[in-house]
C-alpha atoms as a PDB file:
ATOM      1  CA  MET A   1      -5.872 -14.348  -0.073  1.00  0.00           C
ATOM      2  CA  ASP A   2      -5.503 -14.968  -3.727  1.00  0.00           C
ATOM      3  CA  ARG A   3      -2.162 -14.105  -5.054  1.00  0.00           C
ATOM      4  CA  ASN A   4      -3.691 -13.016  -8.385  1.00  0.00           C
ATOM      5  CA  ALA A   5      -5.788 -10.448  -6.674  1.00  0.00           C
ATOM      6  CA  ILE A   6      -2.785  -8.846  -5.261  1.00  0.00           C
ATOM      7  CA  ILE A   7      -0.733  -8.961  -8.775  1.00  0.00           C
ATOM      8  CA  THR A   8      -4.013  -7.273 -10.341  1.00  0.00           C
ATOM      9  CA  ALA A   9      -4.116  -4.666  -7.833  1.00  0.00           C
ATOM     10  CA  TRP A  10      -0.258  -3.961  -8.018  1.00  0.00           C
ATOM     11  CA  GLU A  11      -0.528  -3.756 -11.742  1.00  0.00           C
ATOM     12  CA  LEU A  12      -3.469  -1.302 -11.587  1.00  0.00           C
ATOM     13  CA  HIS A  13      -1.547   0.789  -8.772  1.00  0.00           C
ATOM     14  CA  CYS A  14       1.725   0.824 -10.917  1.00  0.00           C
ATOM     15  CA  ALA A  15      -0.187   1.731 -14.212  1.00  0.00           C
ATOM     16  CA  ASP A  16      -1.697   5.055 -12.655  1.00  0.00           C
ATOM     17  CA  GLY A  17       1.045   7.701 -12.020  1.00  0.00           C
ATOM     18  CA  TRP A  18       1.775   9.635  -8.669  1.00  0.00           C
ATOM     19  CA  PRO A  19      -1.049  12.075  -8.311  1.00  0.00           C
ATOM     20  CA  GLN A  20       0.081  15.614  -8.680  1.00  0.00           C
ATOM     21  CA  PHE A  21      -0.590  17.776  -5.557  1.00  0.00           C
ATOM     22  CA  SER A  22       1.544  19.536  -3.206  1.00  0.00           C
ATOM     23  CA  GLY A  23       1.031  19.949   0.544  1.00  0.00           C
ATOM     24  CA  PRO A  24       2.572  18.958   3.846  1.00  0.00           C
ATOM     25  CA  HIS A  25       1.684  15.299   3.720  1.00  0.00           C
ATOM     26  CA  GLN A  26       3.548  14.830   0.304  1.00  0.00           C
ATOM     27  CA  GLY A  27       6.869  13.390   1.903  1.00  0.00           C
ATOM     28  CA  PRO A  28       4.984  11.115   4.415  1.00  0.00           C
ATOM     29  CA  LEU A  29       2.432   9.550   1.475  1.00  0.00           C
ATOM     30  CA  MET A  30       5.616   9.155  -0.609  1.00  0.00           C
ATOM     31  CA  THR A  31       7.124   7.251   2.039  1.00  0.00           C
ATOM     32  CA  ILE A  32       4.073   5.039   2.739  1.00  0.00           C
ATOM     33  CA  ASP A  33       3.805   4.575  -1.072  1.00  0.00           C
ATOM     34  CA  THR A  34       7.451   3.183  -1.052  1.00  0.00           C
ATOM     35  CA  VAL A  35       7.028   0.998   1.921  1.00  0.00           C
ATOM     36  CA  ILE A  36       3.683  -0.717   0.874  1.00  0.00           C
ATOM     37  CA  GLY A  37       5.452  -1.308  -2.737  1.00  0.00           C
ATOM     38  CA  GLY A  38       8.382  -2.790  -1.061  1.00  0.00           C
ATOM     39  CA  CYS A  39       6.250  -5.405   0.646  1.00  0.00           C
ATOM     40  CA  VAL A  40       4.105  -6.241  -2.467  1.00  0.00           C
ATOM     41  CA  VAL A  41       7.425  -6.828  -4.221  1.00  0.00           C
ATOM     42  CA  TYR A  42       8.935  -8.942  -1.075  1.00  0.00           C
ATOM     43  CA  TYR A  43       5.487 -10.892  -1.314  1.00  0.00           C
ATOM     44  CA  LEU A  44       5.374 -11.374  -5.154  1.00  0.00           C
ATOM     45  CA  ASP A  45       9.322 -12.384  -5.240  1.00  0.00           C
ATOM     46  CA  GLY A  46       8.150 -15.546  -3.857  1.00  0.00           C
ATOM     47  CA  SER A  47       7.045 -15.139   0.040  1.00  0.00           C
ATOM     48  CA  ASP A  48       3.809 -16.865   1.185  1.00  0.00           C
ATOM     49  CA  SER A  49       3.339 -14.184   3.380  1.00  0.00           C
ATOM     50  CA  LEU A  50       4.977 -11.364   5.095  1.00  0.00           C
ATOM     51  CA  ASP A  51       7.077 -11.824   8.131  1.00  0.00           C
ATOM     52  CA  ASP A  52       5.849 -10.302  11.539  1.00  0.00           C
ATOM     53  CA  GLN A  53       7.902  -7.166  10.980  1.00  0.00           C
ATOM     54  CA  ARG A  54       6.736  -6.395   7.727  1.00  0.00           C
ATOM     55  CA  ARG A  55       3.186  -7.002   8.885  1.00  0.00           C
ATOM     56  CA  ALA A  56       3.696  -4.532  11.665  1.00  0.00           C
ATOM     57  CA  ILE A  57       5.276  -1.968   9.622  1.00  0.00           C
ATOM     58  CA  LEU A  58       2.358  -2.463   6.840  1.00  0.00           C
ATOM     59  CA  ARG A  59      -0.185  -1.928   9.637  1.00  0.00           C
ATOM     60  CA  HIS A  60       1.376   1.110  10.705  1.00  0.00           C
ATOM     61  CA  CYS A  61       1.538   2.432   7.239  1.00  0.00           C
ATOM     62  CA  LEU A  62      -2.214   1.735   6.736  1.00  0.00           C
ATOM     63  CA  ASP A  63      -2.989   3.806   9.987  1.00  0.00           C
ATOM     64  CA  ASP A  64      -0.911   6.593   8.711  1.00  0.00           C
ATOM     65  CA  LEU A  65      -2.690   6.314   5.448  1.00  0.00           C
ATOM     66  CA  ASP A  66      -6.018   6.595   6.773  1.00  0.00           C
ATOM     67  CA  ASP A  67      -5.405   9.516   8.770  1.00  0.00           C
ATOM     68  CA  LEU A  68      -3.768  11.233   5.552  1.00  0.00           C
ATOM     69  CA  THR A  69      -6.111  10.298   3.021  1.00  0.00           C
ATOM     70  CA  ASP A  70      -8.973  12.315   4.418  1.00  0.00           C
ATOM     71  CA  GLU A  71      -7.083  15.353   4.136  1.00  0.00           C
ATOM     72  CA  LEU A  72      -6.233  15.261   0.216  1.00  0.00           C
ATOM     73  CA  ASP A  73      -8.199  16.639  -2.525  1.00  0.00           C
ATOM     74  CA  ALA A  74     -10.743  14.323  -4.231  1.00  0.00           C
ATOM     75  CA  GLU A  75      -8.646  14.130  -7.123  1.00  0.00           C
ATOM     76  CA  CYS A  76      -5.772  12.460  -5.338  1.00  0.00           C
ATOM     77  CA  GLN A  77      -7.947  10.192  -2.880  1.00  0.00           C
ATOM     78  CA  PRO A  78      -8.578   7.358  -5.429  1.00  0.00           C
ATOM     79  CA  TYR A  79      -4.881   6.846  -5.951  1.00  0.00           C
ATOM     80  CA  PHE A  80      -4.234   6.419  -1.953  1.00  0.00           C
ATOM     81  CA  LEU A  81      -7.502   4.537  -1.661  1.00  0.00           C
ATOM     82  CA  ARG A  82      -6.008   2.079  -3.934  1.00  0.00           C
ATOM     83  CA  LEU A  83      -2.797   1.743  -2.105  1.00  0.00           C
ATOM     84  CA  ARG A  84      -4.726   1.100   1.091  1.00  0.00           C
ATOM     85  CA  HIS A  85      -6.680  -1.746  -0.796  1.00  0.00           C
ATOM     86  CA  LEU A  86      -3.375  -3.012  -1.691  1.00  0.00           C
ATOM     87  CA  GLY A  87      -1.677  -2.909   1.586  1.00  0.00           C
ATOM     88  CA  SER A  88      -5.071  -4.653   3.104  1.00  0.00           C
ATOM     89  CA  LEU A  89      -4.919  -7.226   0.658  1.00  0.00           C
ATOM     90  CA  LEU A  90      -1.418  -8.163   1.650  1.00  0.00           C
ATOM     91  CA  LEU A  91      -2.272  -8.457   5.306  1.00  0.00           C
ATOM     92  CA  ASP A  92      -4.897 -10.854   4.389  1.00  0.00           C
ATOM     93  CA  THR A  93      -2.107 -13.171   3.169  1.00  0.00           C
ATOM     94  CA  GLY A  94      -2.038 -14.525   6.687  1.00  0.00           C
ATOM     95  CA  PRO A  95       0.818 -14.808   9.336  1.00  0.00           C
ATOM     96  CA  ALA A  96       4.207 -16.028   8.355  1.00  0.00           C
ATOM     97  CA  SER A  97       4.915 -19.654   9.744  1.00  0.00           C
END
């Protein structure tokens, strides 16, 4: 995966503020956003890819995100679809050596 694609996706994600909504999934979605963001920062701080533990956590977050995104209002979905795309880009960086 092209590192620049991840940088661009991350910058776009950071430029868009947290969507305004309330509901039972807000807490889990905040956690998913934080975890994926942490993986991005780890990768951009110099790692060539994610270690196995981070990759497993990221996969779990993407699965949870898939389950929760469909239940959100249409106005909120673009934020979380972009977050999902960002997580997918990270997984495409390849396994750790």
